[in-house]
Amino acid sequence: MRWIALGLFATFFLLMDGADFFKWASNKIPLSKRIRLTLFASFRDTSVSVITASVAAAGTQSLVMFLAFLALGVPGAFLAAGATFISAWIPLVGSFPVIAVGAGYLFFSDHIIKSG
């Protein structure tokens, strides 16, 4: 629990004073200014690419889940798509909890095989 509180605390202050921290930290790195700028630009580009890919993957998973739940008649398809989008950001969890709930619904309502 302490790690979560510390992470939230650090995130708050980095969002509030991130530019000042960046300026302070960049002056402490023993590299030339040109190399530091190249390094920071590379880090920024990589971070943006990773976040964009994560959003695209989560969006694709939630769209597939939405369409599958609509096709199978599972209630709450839109809610399941939202839960899939959020849970897809959690490493080693992904969309499995939403799939398990949908499969459980189909199993316990005797709709394992969709019959037109």
PDB file of N, CA and C in Angstrom:
ATOM      1  N   MET A   1       0.830  -1.200   0.000  1.00  0.00           N
ATOM      2  CA  MET A   1       0.000   0.000   0.000  1.00  0.00           C
ATOM      3  C   MET A   1       0.872   1.261   0.000  1.00  0.00           C
ATOM      4  N   ARG A   2       2.007   1.166   0.686  1.00  0.00           N
ATOM      5  CA  ARG A   2       2.899   2.330   0.719  1.00  0.00           C
ATOM      6  C   ARG A   2       3.415   2.675  -0.668  1.00  0.00           C
ATOM      7  N   TRP A   3       3.651   1.624  -1.501  1.00  0.00           N
ATOM      8  CA  TRP A   3       4.198   1.868  -2.837  1.00  0.00           C
ATOM      9  C   TRP A   3       3.182   2.581  -3.711  1.00  0.00           C
ATOM     10  N   ILE A   4       1.917   2.257  -3.538  1.00  0.00           N
ATOM     11  CA  ILE A   4       0.882   2.935  -4.314  1.00  0.00           C
ATOM     12  C   ILE A   4       0.801   4.406  -3.911  1.00  0.00           C
ATOM     13  N   ALA A   5       0.821   4.651  -2.608  1.00  0.00           N
ATOM     14  CA  ALA A   5       0.769   6.033  -2.121  1.00  0.00           C
ATOM     15  C   ALA A   5       1.997   6.815  -2.598  1.00  0.00           C
ATOM     16  N   LEU A   6       3.158   6.195  -2.531  1.00  0.00           N
ATOM     17  CA  LEU A   6       4.379   6.862  -2.984  1.00  0.00           C
ATOM     18  C   LEU A   6       4.315   7.140  -4.491  1.00  0.00           C
ATOM     19  N   GLY A   7       3.801   6.183  -5.269  1.00  0.00           N
ATOM     20  CA  GLY A   7       3.667   6.385  -6.711  1.00  0.00           C
ATOM     21  C   GLY A   7       2.704   7.517  -7.045  1.00  0.00           C
ATOM     22  N   LEU A   8       1.575   7.577  -6.339  1.00  0.00           N
ATOM     23  CA  LEU A   8       0.622   8.663  -6.568  1.00  0.00           C
ATOM     24  C   LEU A   8       1.209  10.014  -6.164  1.00  0.00           C
ATOM     25  N   PHE A   9       1.932  10.028  -5.064  1.00  0.00           N
ATOM     26  CA  PHE A   9       2.577  11.249  -4.590  1.00  0.00           C
ATOM     27  C   PHE A   9       3.607  11.743  -5.610  1.00  0.00           C
ATOM     28  N   ALA A  10       4.444  10.830  -6.104  1.00  0.00           N
ATOM     29  CA  ALA A  10       5.466  11.201  -7.088  1.00  0.00           C
ATOM     30  C   ALA A  10       4.827  11.653  -8.396  1.00  0.00           C
ATOM     31  N   THR A  11       3.769  10.972  -8.819  1.00  0.00           N
ATOM     32  CA  THR A  11       3.086  11.358 -10.049  1.00  0.00           C
ATOM     33  C   THR A  11       2.506  12.762  -9.946  1.00  0.00           C
ATOM     34  N   PHE A  12       1.906  13.065  -8.808  1.00  0.00           N
ATOM     35  CA  PHE A  12       1.336  14.394  -8.615  1.00  0.00           C
ATOM     36  C   PHE A  12       2.399  15.478  -8.767  1.00  0.00           C
ATOM     37  N   PHE A  13       3.526  15.311  -8.077  1.00  0.00           N
ATOM     38  CA  PHE A  13       4.552  16.350  -8.122  1.00  0.00           C
ATOM     39  C   PHE A  13       5.280  16.400  -9.457  1.00  0.00           C
ATOM     40  N   LEU A  14       5.410  15.264 -10.144  1.00  0.00           N
ATOM     41  CA  LEU A  14       6.016  15.313 -11.472  1.00  0.00           C
ATOM     42  C   LEU A  14       5.093  15.993 -12.471  1.00  0.00           C
ATOM     43  N   LEU A  15       3.791  15.821 -12.305  1.00  0.00           N
ATOM     44  CA  LEU A  15       2.857  16.524 -13.190  1.00  0.00           C
ATOM     45  C   LEU A  15       2.844  18.025 -12.897  1.00  0.00           C
ATOM     46  N   MET A  16       2.975  18.385 -11.626  1.00  0.00           N
ATOM     47  CA  MET A  16       2.933  19.797 -11.246  1.00  0.00           C
ATOM     48  C   MET A  16       4.245  20.517 -11.577  1.00  0.00           C
ATOM     49  N   ASP A  17       5.382  19.882 -11.280  1.00  0.00           N
ATOM     50  CA  ASP A  17       6.683  20.527 -11.437  1.00  0.00           C
ATOM     51  C   ASP A  17       7.620  19.726 -12.332  1.00  0.00           C
ATOM     52  N   GLY A  18       7.074  19.018 -13.294  1.00  0.00           N
ATOM     53  CA  GLY A  18       7.890  18.152 -14.139  1.00  0.00           C
ATOM     54  C   GLY A  18       8.914  18.902 -14.959  1.00  0.00           C
ATOM     55  N   ALA A  19       8.556  20.064 -15.464  1.00  0.00           N
ATOM     56  CA  ALA A  19       9.494  20.834 -16.299  1.00  0.00           C
ATOM     57  C   ALA A  19      10.688  21.310 -15.473  1.00  0.00           C
ATOM     58  N   ASP A  20      10.418  21.775 -14.259  1.00  0.00           N
ATOM     59  CA  ASP A  20      11.515  22.216 -13.387  1.00  0.00           C
ATOM     60  C   ASP A  20      12.413  21.047 -13.006  1.00  0.00           C
ATOM     61  N   PHE A  21      11.800  19.899 -12.717  1.00  0.00           N
ATOM     62  CA  PHE A  21      12.589  18.714 -12.376  1.00  0.00           C
ATOM     63  C   PHE A  21      13.443  18.280 -13.565  1.00  0.00           C
ATOM     64  N   PHE A  22      12.872  18.348 -14.756  1.00  0.00           N
ATOM     65  CA  PHE A  22      13.612  17.976 -15.960  1.00  0.00           C
ATOM     66  C   PHE A  22      14.829  18.871 -16.155  1.00  0.00           C
ATOM     67  N   LYS A  23      14.654  20.161 -15.977  1.00  0.00           N
ATOM     68  CA  LYS A  23      15.780  21.094 -16.110  1.00  0.00           C
ATOM     69  C   LYS A  23      16.853  20.810 -15.065  1.00  0.00           C
ATOM     70  N   TRP A  24      16.432  20.558 -13.825  1.00  0.00           N
ATOM     71  CA  TRP A  24      17.379  20.281 -12.757  1.00  0.00           C
ATOM     72  C   TRP A  24      18.135  18.985 -13.026  1.00  0.00           C
ATOM     73  N   ALA A  25      17.416  17.924 -13.416  1.00  0.00           N
ATOM     74  CA  ALA A  25      18.041  16.624 -13.645  1.00  0.00           C
ATOM     75  C   ALA A  25      18.951  16.643 -14.865  1.00  0.00           C
ATOM     76  N   SER A  26      18.583  17.393 -15.893  1.00  0.00           N
ATOM     77  CA  SER A  26      19.409  17.412 -17.097  1.00  0.00           C
ATOM     78  C   SER A  26      20.764  18.071 -16.847  1.00  0.00           C
ATOM     79  N   ASN A  27      20.820  18.979 -15.912  1.00  0.00           N
ATOM     80  CA  ASN A  27      22.107  19.609 -15.593  1.00  0.00           C
ATOM     81  C   ASN A  27      23.008  18.696 -14.773  1.00  0.00           C
ATOM     82  N   LYS A  28      22.472  17.650 -14.177  1.00  0.00           N
ATOM     83  CA  LYS A  28      23.257  16.732 -13.353  1.00  0.00           C
ATOM     84  C   LYS A  28      23.871  15.595 -14.147  1.00  0.00           C
ATOM     85  N   ILE A  29      23.456  15.405 -15.385  1.00  0.00           N
ATOM     86  CA  ILE A  29      23.963  14.309 -16.213  1.00  0.00           C
ATOM     87  C   ILE A  29      25.289  14.729 -16.836  1.00  0.00           C
ATOM     88  N   PRO A  30      26.345  13.919 -16.636  1.00  0.00           N
ATOM     89  CA  PRO A  30      27.675  14.322 -17.131  1.00  0.00           C
ATOM     90  C   PRO A  30      27.889  13.994 -18.611  1.00  0.00           C
ATOM     91  N   LEU A  31      27.039  14.536 -19.457  1.00  0.00           N
ATOM     92  CA  LEU A  31      27.169  14.363 -20.903  1.00  0.00           C
ATOM     93  C   LEU A  31      27.076  15.733 -21.556  1.00  0.00           C
ATOM     94  N   SER A  32      27.522  15.798 -22.788  1.00  0.00           N
ATOM     95  CA  SER A  32      27.416  17.078 -23.497  1.00  0.00           C
ATOM     96  C   SER A  32      25.944  17.390 -23.764  1.00  0.00           C
ATOM     97  N   LYS A  33      25.675  18.671 -23.988  1.00  0.00           N
ATOM     98  CA  LYS A  33      24.290  19.099 -24.187  1.00  0.00           C
ATOM     99  C   LYS A  33      23.663  18.435 -25.404  1.00  0.00           C
ATOM    100  N   ARG A  34      24.434  18.287 -26.476  1.00  0.00           N
ATOM    101  CA  ARG A  34      23.923  17.666 -27.699  1.00  0.00           C
ATOM    102  C   ARG A  34      23.521  16.218 -27.445  1.00  0.00           C
ATOM    103  N   ILE A  35      24.337  15.471 -26.725  1.00  0.00           N
ATOM    104  CA  ILE A  35      24.026  14.069 -26.425  1.00  0.00           C
ATOM    105  C   ILE A  35      22.820  13.979 -25.493  1.00  0.00           C
ATOM    106  N   ARG A  36      22.749  14.871 -24.503  1.00  0.00           N
ATOM    107  CA  ARG A  36      21.585  14.879 -23.595  1.00  0.00           C
ATOM    108  C   ARG A  36      20.293  15.137 -24.354  1.00  0.00           C
ATOM    109  N   LEU A  37      20.303  16.117 -25.255  1.00  0.00           N
ATOM    110  CA  LEU A  37      19.099  16.420 -26.030  1.00  0.00           C
ATOM    111  C   LEU A  37      18.692  15.251 -26.926  1.00  0.00           C
ATOM    112  N   THR A  38      19.692  14.595 -27.533  1.00  0.00           N
ATOM    113  CA  THR A  38      19.402  13.419 -28.353  1.00  0.00           C
ATOM    114  C   THR A  38      18.821  12.296 -27.505  1.00  0.00           C
ATOM    115  N   LEU A  39      19.398  12.093 -26.330  1.00  0.00           N
ATOM    116  CA  LEU A  39      18.916  11.063 -25.417  1.00  0.00           C
ATOM    117  C   LEU A  39      17.491  11.349 -24.960  1.00  0.00           C
ATOM    118  N   PHE A  40      17.204  12.575 -24.580  1.00  0.00           N
ATOM    119  CA  PHE A  40      15.862  12.938 -24.130  1.00  0.00           C
ATOM    120  C   PHE A  40      14.835  12.837 -25.258  1.00  0.00           C
ATOM    121  N   ALA A  41      15.226  13.231 -26.469  1.00  0.00           N
ATOM    122  CA  ALA A  41      14.307  13.121 -27.607  1.00  0.00           C
ATOM    123  C   ALA A  41      14.004  11.654 -27.906  1.00  0.00           C
ATOM    124  N   SER A  42      15.017  10.815 -27.808  1.00  0.00           N
ATOM    125  CA  SER A  42      14.813   9.381 -28.034  1.00  0.00           C
ATOM    126  C   SER A  42      13.895   8.788 -26.969  1.00  0.00           C
ATOM    127  N   PHE A  43      14.094   9.183 -25.726  1.00  0.00           N
ATOM    128  CA  PHE A  43      13.245   8.700 -24.634  1.00  0.00           C
ATOM    129  C   PHE A  43      11.803   9.156 -24.825  1.00  0.00           C
ATOM    130  N   ARG A  44      11.620  10.416 -25.214  1.00  0.00           N
ATOM    131  CA  ARG A  44      10.272  10.938 -25.433  1.00  0.00           C
ATOM    132  C   ARG A  44       9.582  10.200 -26.574  1.00  0.00           C
ATOM    133  N   ASP A  45      10.290  10.010 -27.683  1.00  0.00           N
ATOM    134  CA  ASP A  45       9.700   9.315 -28.830  1.00  0.00           C
ATOM    135  C   ASP A  45       9.336   7.870 -28.478  1.00  0.00           C
ATOM    136  N   THR A  46      10.202   7.212 -27.742  1.00  0.00           N
ATOM    137  CA  THR A  46       9.920   5.833 -27.328  1.00  0.00           C
ATOM    138  C   THR A  46       8.723   5.776 -26.397  1.00  0.00           C
ATOM    139  N   SER A  47       8.634   6.698 -25.450  1.00  0.00           N
ATOM    140  CA  SER A  47       7.506   6.727 -24.522  1.00  0.00           C
ATOM    141  C   SER A  47       6.191   6.970 -25.243  1.00  0.00           C
ATOM    142  N   VAL A  48       6.184   7.901 -26.160  1.00  0.00           N
ATOM    143  CA  VAL A  48       4.966   8.184 -26.930  1.00  0.00           C
ATOM    144  C   VAL A  48       4.568   6.960 -27.753  1.00  0.00           C
ATOM    145  N   SER A  49       5.532   6.281 -28.350  1.00  0.00           N
ATOM    146  CA  SER A  49       5.236   5.095 -29.153  1.00  0.00           C
ATOM    147  C   SER A  49       4.666   3.974 -28.298  1.00  0.00           C
ATOM    148  N   VAL A  50       5.215   3.767 -27.121  1.00  0.00           N
ATOM    149  CA  VAL A  50       4.722   2.699 -26.234  1.00  0.00           C
ATOM    150  C   VAL A  50       3.303   3.007 -25.765  1.00  0.00           C
ATOM    151  N   ILE A  51       3.049   4.239 -25.393  1.00  0.00           N
ATOM    152  CA  ILE A  51       1.704   4.611 -24.931  1.00  0.00           C
ATOM    153  C   ILE A  51       0.702   4.498 -26.070  1.00  0.00           C
ATOM    154  N   THR A  52       1.074   4.949 -27.259  1.00  0.00           N
ATOM    155  CA  THR A  52       0.187   4.849 -28.412  1.00  0.00           C
ATOM    156  C   THR A  52      -0.117   3.392 -28.754  1.00  0.00           C
ATOM    157  N   ALA A  53       0.892   2.543 -28.713  1.00  0.00           N
ATOM    158  CA  ALA A  53       0.680   1.120 -28.999  1.00  0.00           C
ATOM    159  C   ALA A  53      -0.192   0.469 -27.936  1.00  0.00           C
ATOM    160  N   SER A  54      -0.021   0.861 -26.678  1.00  0.00           N
ATOM    161  CA  SER A  54      -0.844   0.304 -25.603  1.00  0.00           C
ATOM    162  C   SER A  54      -2.302   0.713 -25.755  1.00  0.00           C
ATOM    163  N   VAL A  55      -2.548   1.964 -26.101  1.00  0.00           N
ATOM    164  CA  VAL A  55      -3.919   2.429 -26.313  1.00  0.00           C
ATOM    165  C   VAL A  55      -4.537   1.715 -27.515  1.00  0.00           C
ATOM    166  N   ALA A  56      -3.766   1.545 -28.588  1.00  0.00           N
ATOM    167  CA  ALA A  56      -4.286   0.861 -29.775  1.00  0.00           C
ATOM    168  C   ALA A  56      -4.606  -0.604 -29.465  1.00  0.00           C
ATOM    169  N   ALA A  57      -3.744  -1.274 -28.726  1.00  0.00           N
ATOM    170  CA  ALA A  57      -3.991  -2.677 -28.389  1.00  0.00           C
ATOM    171  C   ALA A  57      -5.205  -2.816 -27.477  1.00  0.00           C
ATOM    172  N   ALA A  58      -5.318  -1.948 -26.482  1.00  0.00           N
ATOM    173  CA  ALA A  58      -6.464  -2.002 -25.576  1.00  0.00           C
ATOM    174  C   ALA A  58      -7.756  -1.675 -26.323  1.00  0.00           C
ATOM    175  N   GLY A  59      -7.706  -0.709 -27.224  1.00  0.00           N
ATOM    176  CA  GLY A  59      -8.886  -0.369 -28.012  1.00  0.00           C
ATOM    177  C   GLY A  59      -9.312  -1.501 -28.931  1.00  0.00           C
ATOM    178  N   THR A  60      -8.357  -2.168 -29.543  1.00  0.00           N
ATOM    179  CA  THR A  60      -8.671  -3.293 -30.416  1.00  0.00           C
ATOM    180  C   THR A  60      -9.278  -4.445 -29.623  1.00  0.00           C
ATOM    181  N   GLN A  61      -8.689  -4.740 -28.458  1.00  0.00           N
ATOM    182  CA  GLN A  61      -9.235  -5.806 -27.627  1.00  0.00           C
ATOM    183  C   GLN A  61     -10.652  -5.481 -27.172  1.00  0.00           C
ATOM    184  N   SER A  62     -10.904  -4.233 -26.795  1.00  0.00           N
ATOM    185  CA  SER A  62     -12.243  -3.884 -26.332  1.00  0.00           C
ATOM    186  C   SER A  62     -13.247  -3.904 -27.486  1.00  0.00           C
ATOM    187  N   LEU A  63     -12.840  -3.526 -28.684  1.00  0.00           N
ATOM    188  CA  LEU A  63     -13.734  -3.599 -29.837  1.00  0.00           C
ATOM    189  C   LEU A  63     -14.088  -5.049 -30.161  1.00  0.00           C
ATOM    190  N   VAL A  64     -13.091  -5.923 -30.153  1.00  0.00           N
ATOM    191  CA  VAL A  64     -13.339  -7.343 -30.421  1.00  0.00           C
ATOM    192  C   VAL A  64     -14.257  -7.929 -29.343  1.00  0.00           C
ATOM    193  N   MET A  65     -14.022  -7.560 -28.083  1.00  0.00           N
ATOM    194  CA  MET A  65     -14.866  -8.057 -26.994  1.00  0.00           C
ATOM    195  C   MET A  65     -16.302  -7.556 -27.159  1.00  0.00           C
ATOM    196  N   PHE A  66     -16.466  -6.292 -27.523  1.00  0.00           N
ATOM    197  CA  PHE A  66     -17.793  -5.724 -27.720  1.00  0.00           C
ATOM    198  C   PHE A  66     -18.547  -6.462 -28.827  1.00  0.00           C
ATOM    199  N   LEU A  67     -17.893  -6.664 -29.963  1.00  0.00           N
ATOM    200  CA  LEU A  67     -18.538  -7.348 -31.077  1.00  0.00           C
ATOM    201  C   LEU A  67     -18.843  -8.815 -30.746  1.00  0.00           C
ATOM    202  N   ALA A  68     -17.939  -9.476 -30.044  1.00  0.00           N
ATOM    203  CA  ALA A  68     -18.165 -10.876 -29.674  1.00  0.00           C
ATOM    204  C   ALA A  68     -19.318 -11.002 -28.696  1.00  0.00           C
ATOM    205  N   PHE A  69     -19.371 -10.129 -27.701  1.00  0.00           N
ATOM    206  CA  PHE A  69     -20.469 -10.199 -26.732  1.00  0.00           C
ATOM    207  C   PHE A  69     -21.804  -9.842 -27.385  1.00  0.00           C
ATOM    208  N   LEU A  70     -21.803  -8.913 -28.336  1.00  0.00           N
ATOM    209  CA  LEU A  70     -23.036  -8.619 -29.063  1.00  0.00           C
ATOM    210  C   LEU A  70     -23.484  -9.822 -29.886  1.00  0.00           C
ATOM    211  N   ALA A  71     -22.556 -10.458 -30.564  1.00  0.00           N
ATOM    212  CA  ALA A  71     -22.883 -11.606 -31.415  1.00  0.00           C
ATOM    213  C   ALA A  71     -23.378 -12.796 -30.588  1.00  0.00           C
ATOM    214  N   LEU A  72     -22.829 -12.968 -29.387  1.00  0.00           N
ATOM    215  CA  LEU A  72     -23.211 -14.103 -28.551  1.00  0.00           C
ATOM    216  C   LEU A  72     -24.394 -13.807 -27.646  1.00  0.00           C
ATOM    217  N   GLY A  73     -24.821 -12.566 -27.606  1.00  0.00           N
ATOM    218  CA  GLY A  73     -25.979 -12.218 -26.783  1.00  0.00           C
ATOM    219  C   GLY A  73     -25.678 -12.069 -25.307  1.00  0.00           C
ATOM    220  N   VAL A  74     -24.447 -11.777 -24.971  1.00  0.00           N
ATOM    221  CA  VAL A  74     -24.087 -11.556 -23.573  1.00  0.00           C
ATOM    222  C   VAL A  74     -24.518 -10.145 -23.193  1.00  0.00           C
ATOM    223  N   PRO A  75     -25.292 -10.002 -22.105  1.00  0.00           N
ATOM    224  CA  PRO A  75     -25.733  -8.653 -21.728  1.00  0.00           C
ATOM    225  C   PRO A  75     -24.564  -7.796 -21.231  1.00  0.00           C
ATOM    226  N   GLY A  76     -24.690  -6.507 -21.389  1.00  0.00           N
ATOM    227  CA  GLY A  76     -23.662  -5.579 -20.920  1.00  0.00           C
ATOM    228  C   GLY A  76     -22.439  -5.553 -21.806  1.00  0.00           C
ATOM    229  N   ALA A  77     -22.636  -5.657 -23.113  1.00  0.00           N
ATOM    230  CA  ALA A  77     -21.499  -5.701 -24.035  1.00  0.00           C
ATOM    231  C   ALA A  77     -20.692  -4.403 -23.988  1.00  0.00           C
ATOM    232  N   PHE A  78     -21.367  -3.266 -23.874  1.00  0.00           N
ATOM    233  CA  PHE A  78     -20.654  -1.990 -23.835  1.00  0.00           C
ATOM    234  C   PHE A  78     -19.854  -1.858 -22.537  1.00  0.00           C
ATOM    235  N   LEU A  79     -20.434  -2.287 -21.425  1.00  0.00           N
ATOM    236  CA  LEU A  79     -19.720  -2.273 -20.143  1.00  0.00           C
ATOM    237  C   LEU A  79     -18.516  -3.210 -20.189  1.00  0.00           C
ATOM    238  N   ALA A  80     -18.699  -4.363 -20.799  1.00  0.00           N
ATOM    239  CA  ALA A  80     -17.595  -5.312 -20.928  1.00  0.00           C
ATOM    240  C   ALA A  80     -16.472  -4.735 -21.784  1.00  0.00           C
ATOM    241  N   ALA A  81     -16.831  -3.985 -22.822  1.00  0.00           N
ATOM    242  CA  ALA A  81     -15.804  -3.357 -23.655  1.00  0.00           C
ATOM    243  C   ALA A  81     -15.014  -2.329 -22.855  1.00  0.00           C
ATOM    244  N   GLY A  82     -15.706  -1.549 -22.034  1.00  0.00           N
ATOM    245  CA  GLY A  82     -15.004  -0.580 -21.182  1.00  0.00           C
ATOM    246  C   GLY A  82     -14.107  -1.252 -20.167  1.00  0.00           C
ATOM    247  N   ALA A  83     -14.603  -2.326 -19.553  1.00  0.00           N
ATOM    248  CA  ALA A  83     -13.783  -3.064 -18.580  1.00  0.00           C
ATOM    249  C   ALA A  83     -12.586  -3.715 -19.261  1.00  0.00           C
ATOM    250  N   THR A  84     -12.773  -4.171 -20.488  1.00  0.00           N
ATOM    251  CA  THR A  84     -11.667  -4.755 -21.242  1.00  0.00           C
ATOM    252  C   THR A  84     -10.604  -3.707 -21.539  1.00  0.00           C
ATOM    253  N   PHE A  85     -11.034  -2.503 -21.919  1.00  0.00           N
ATOM    254  CA  PHE A  85     -10.079  -1.443 -22.214  1.00  0.00           C
ATOM    255  C   PHE A  85      -9.237  -1.109 -20.982  1.00  0.00           C
ATOM    256  N   ILE A  86      -9.868  -1.056 -19.826  1.00  0.00           N
ATOM    257  CA  ILE A  86      -9.136  -0.731 -18.598  1.00  0.00           C
ATOM    258  C   ILE A  86      -8.237  -1.884 -18.173  1.00  0.00           C
ATOM    259  N   SER A  87      -8.772  -3.103 -18.186  1.00  0.00           N
ATOM    260  CA  SER A  87      -7.972  -4.239 -17.711  1.00  0.00           C
ATOM    261  C   SER A  87      -6.861  -4.611 -18.685  1.00  0.00           C
ATOM    262  N   ALA A  88      -6.968  -4.206 -19.940  1.00  0.00           N
ATOM    263  CA  ALA A  88      -5.908  -4.505 -20.900  1.00  0.00           C
ATOM    264  C   ALA A  88      -4.614  -3.767 -20.571  1.00  0.00           C
ATOM    265  N   TRP A  89      -4.683  -2.760 -19.729  1.00  0.00           N
ATOM    266  CA  TRP A  89      -3.496  -2.008 -19.325  1.00  0.00           C
ATOM    267  C   TRP A  89      -2.751  -2.673 -18.169  1.00  0.00           C
ATOM    268  N   ILE A  90      -3.347  -3.690 -17.545  1.00  0.00           N
ATOM    269  CA  ILE A  90      -2.726  -4.350 -16.397  1.00  0.00           C
ATOM    270  C   ILE A  90      -1.886  -5.519 -16.907  1.00  0.00           C
ATOM    271  N   PRO A  91      -0.577  -5.482 -16.675  1.00  0.00           N
ATOM    272  CA  PRO A  91       0.273  -6.567 -17.161  1.00  0.00           C
ATOM    273  C   PRO A  91      -0.111  -7.909 -16.527  1.00  0.00           C
ATOM    274  N   LEU A  92       0.001  -8.964 -17.295  1.00  0.00           N
ATOM    275  CA  LEU A  92      -0.293 -10.349 -16.910  1.00  0.00           C
ATOM    276  C   LEU A  92      -1.755 -10.597 -16.581  1.00  0.00           C
ATOM    277  N   VAL A  93      -2.609  -9.603 -16.725  1.00  0.00           N
ATOM    278  CA  VAL A  93      -4.044  -9.796 -16.492  1.00  0.00           C
ATOM    279  C   VAL A  93      -4.766  -9.650 -17.816  1.00  0.00           C
ATOM    280  N   GLY A  94      -4.586  -8.523 -18.452  1.00  0.00           N
ATOM    281  CA  GLY A  94      -5.193  -8.285 -19.752  1.00  0.00           C
ATOM    282  C   GLY A  94      -6.700  -8.374 -19.726  1.00  0.00           C
ATOM    283  N   SER A  95      -7.264  -8.893 -20.774  1.00  0.00           N
ATOM    284  CA  SER A  95      -8.714  -8.967 -20.884  1.00  0.00           C
ATOM    285  C   SER A  95      -9.269 -10.282 -20.364  1.00  0.00           C
ATOM    286  N   PHE A  96      -8.445 -11.122 -19.756  1.00  0.00           N
ATOM    287  CA  PHE A  96      -8.903 -12.421 -19.279  1.00  0.00           C
ATOM    288  C   PHE A  96     -10.068 -12.349 -18.290  1.00  0.00           C
ATOM    289  N   PRO A  97     -10.083 -11.437 -17.302  1.00  0.00           N
ATOM    290  CA  PRO A  97     -11.230 -11.414 -16.376  1.00  0.00           C
ATOM    291  C   PRO A  97     -12.565 -11.181 -17.088  1.00  0.00           C
ATOM    292  N   VAL A  98     -12.568 -10.340 -18.103  1.00  0.00           N
ATOM    293  CA  VAL A  98     -13.814 -10.060 -18.826  1.00  0.00           C
ATOM    294  C   VAL A  98     -14.212 -11.268 -19.666  1.00  0.00           C
ATOM    295  N   ILE A  99     -13.256 -11.924 -20.284  1.00  0.00           N
ATOM    296  CA  ILE A  99     -13.542 -13.134 -21.053  1.00  0.00           C
ATOM    297  C   ILE A  99     -14.093 -14.215 -20.133  1.00  0.00           C
ATOM    298  N   ALA A 100     -13.499 -14.365 -18.946  1.00  0.00           N
ATOM    299  CA  ALA A 100     -13.942 -15.385 -17.996  1.00  0.00           C
ATOM    300  C   ALA A 100     -15.381 -15.130 -17.543  1.00  0.00           C
ATOM    301  N   VAL A 101     -15.729 -13.882 -17.286  1.00  0.00           N
ATOM    302  CA  VAL A 101     -17.101 -13.565 -16.872  1.00  0.00           C
ATOM    303  C   VAL A 101     -18.081 -13.858 -18.004  1.00  0.00           C
ATOM    304  N   GLY A 102     -17.740 -13.460 -19.217  1.00  0.00           N
ATOM    305  CA  GLY A 102     -18.607 -13.747 -20.361  1.00  0.00           C
ATOM    306  C   GLY A 102     -18.756 -15.235 -20.613  1.00  0.00           C
ATOM    307  N   ALA A 103     -17.669 -15.979 -20.520  1.00  0.00           N
ATOM    308  CA  ALA A 103     -17.740 -17.428 -20.698  1.00  0.00           C
ATOM    309  C   ALA A 103     -18.549 -18.076 -19.581  1.00  0.00           C
ATOM    310  N   GLY A 104     -18.387 -17.557 -18.358  1.00  0.00           N
ATOM    311  CA  GLY A 104     -19.182 -18.071 -17.245  1.00  0.00           C
ATOM    312  C   GLY A 104     -20.662 -17.829 -17.453  1.00  0.00           C
ATOM    313  N   TYR A 105     -21.017 -16.654 -17.952  1.00  0.00           N
ATOM    314  CA  TYR A 105     -22.421 -16.357 -18.234  1.00  0.00           C
ATOM    315  C   TYR A 105     -22.970 -17.329 -19.274  1.00  0.00           C
ATOM    316  N   LEU A 106     -22.212 -17.525 -20.354  1.00  0.00           N
ATOM    317  CA  LEU A 106     -22.680 -18.431 -21.402  1.00  0.00           C
ATOM    318  C   LEU A 106     -22.776 -19.868 -20.891  1.00  0.00           C
ATOM    319  N   PHE A 107     -21.851 -20.284 -20.038  1.00  0.00           N
ATOM    320  CA  PHE A 107     -21.867 -21.648 -19.512  1.00  0.00           C
ATOM    321  C   PHE A 107     -23.063 -21.880 -18.589  1.00  0.00           C
ATOM    322  N   PHE A 108     -23.274 -20.963 -17.651  1.00  0.00           N
ATOM    323  CA  PHE A 108     -24.330 -21.160 -16.676  1.00  0.00           C
ATOM    324  C   PHE A 108     -25.733 -20.857 -17.219  1.00  0.00           C
ATOM    325  N   SER A 109     -25.827 -20.187 -18.358  1.00  0.00           N
ATOM    326  CA  SER A 109     -27.134 -19.977 -18.972  1.00  0.00           C
ATOM    327  C   SER A 109     -27.385 -20.966 -20.114  1.00  0.00           C
ATOM    328  N   ASP A 110     -26.556 -22.007 -20.180  1.00  0.00           N
ATOM    329  CA  ASP A 110     -26.671 -23.078 -21.178  1.00  0.00           C
ATOM    330  C   ASP A 110     -26.672 -22.555 -22.606  1.00  0.00           C
ATOM    331  N   HIS A 111     -25.822 -21.590 -22.888  1.00  0.00           N
ATOM    332  CA  HIS A 111     -25.684 -21.039 -24.224  1.00  0.00           C
ATOM    333  C   HIS A 111     -24.252 -21.192 -24.719  1.00  0.00           C
ATOM    334  N   ILE A 112     -23.664 -22.341 -24.460  1.00  0.00           N
ATOM    335  CA  ILE A 112     -22.276 -22.548 -24.879  1.00  0.00           C
ATOM    336  C   ILE A 112     -22.187 -22.530 -26.399  1.00  0.00           C
ATOM    337  N   ILE A 113     -23.147 -23.158 -27.056  1.00  0.00           N
ATOM    338  CA  ILE A 113     -23.171 -23.163 -28.512  1.00  0.00           C
ATOM    339  C   ILE A 113     -24.320 -22.268 -28.958  1.00  0.00           C
ATOM    340  N   LYS A 114     -23.990 -21.257 -29.725  1.00  0.00           N
ATOM    341  CA  LYS A 114     -24.994 -20.303 -30.207  1.00  0.00           C
ATOM    342  C   LYS A 114     -25.817 -20.982 -31.291  1.00  0.00           C
ATOM    343  N   SER A 115     -27.145 -21.021 -31.096  1.00  0.00           N
ATOM    344  CA  SER A 115     -28.002 -21.674 -32.090  1.00  0.00           C
ATOM    345  C   SER A 115     -28.947 -20.642 -32.694  1.00  0.00           C
ATOM    346  N   GLY A 116     -28.424 -19.903 -33.669  1.00  0.00           N
ATOM    347  CA  GLY A 116     -29.118 -18.933 -34.458  1.00  0.00           C
ATOM    348  C   GLY A 116     -30.340 -18.426 -33.912  1.00  0.00           C
TER     349      GLY A 116
END
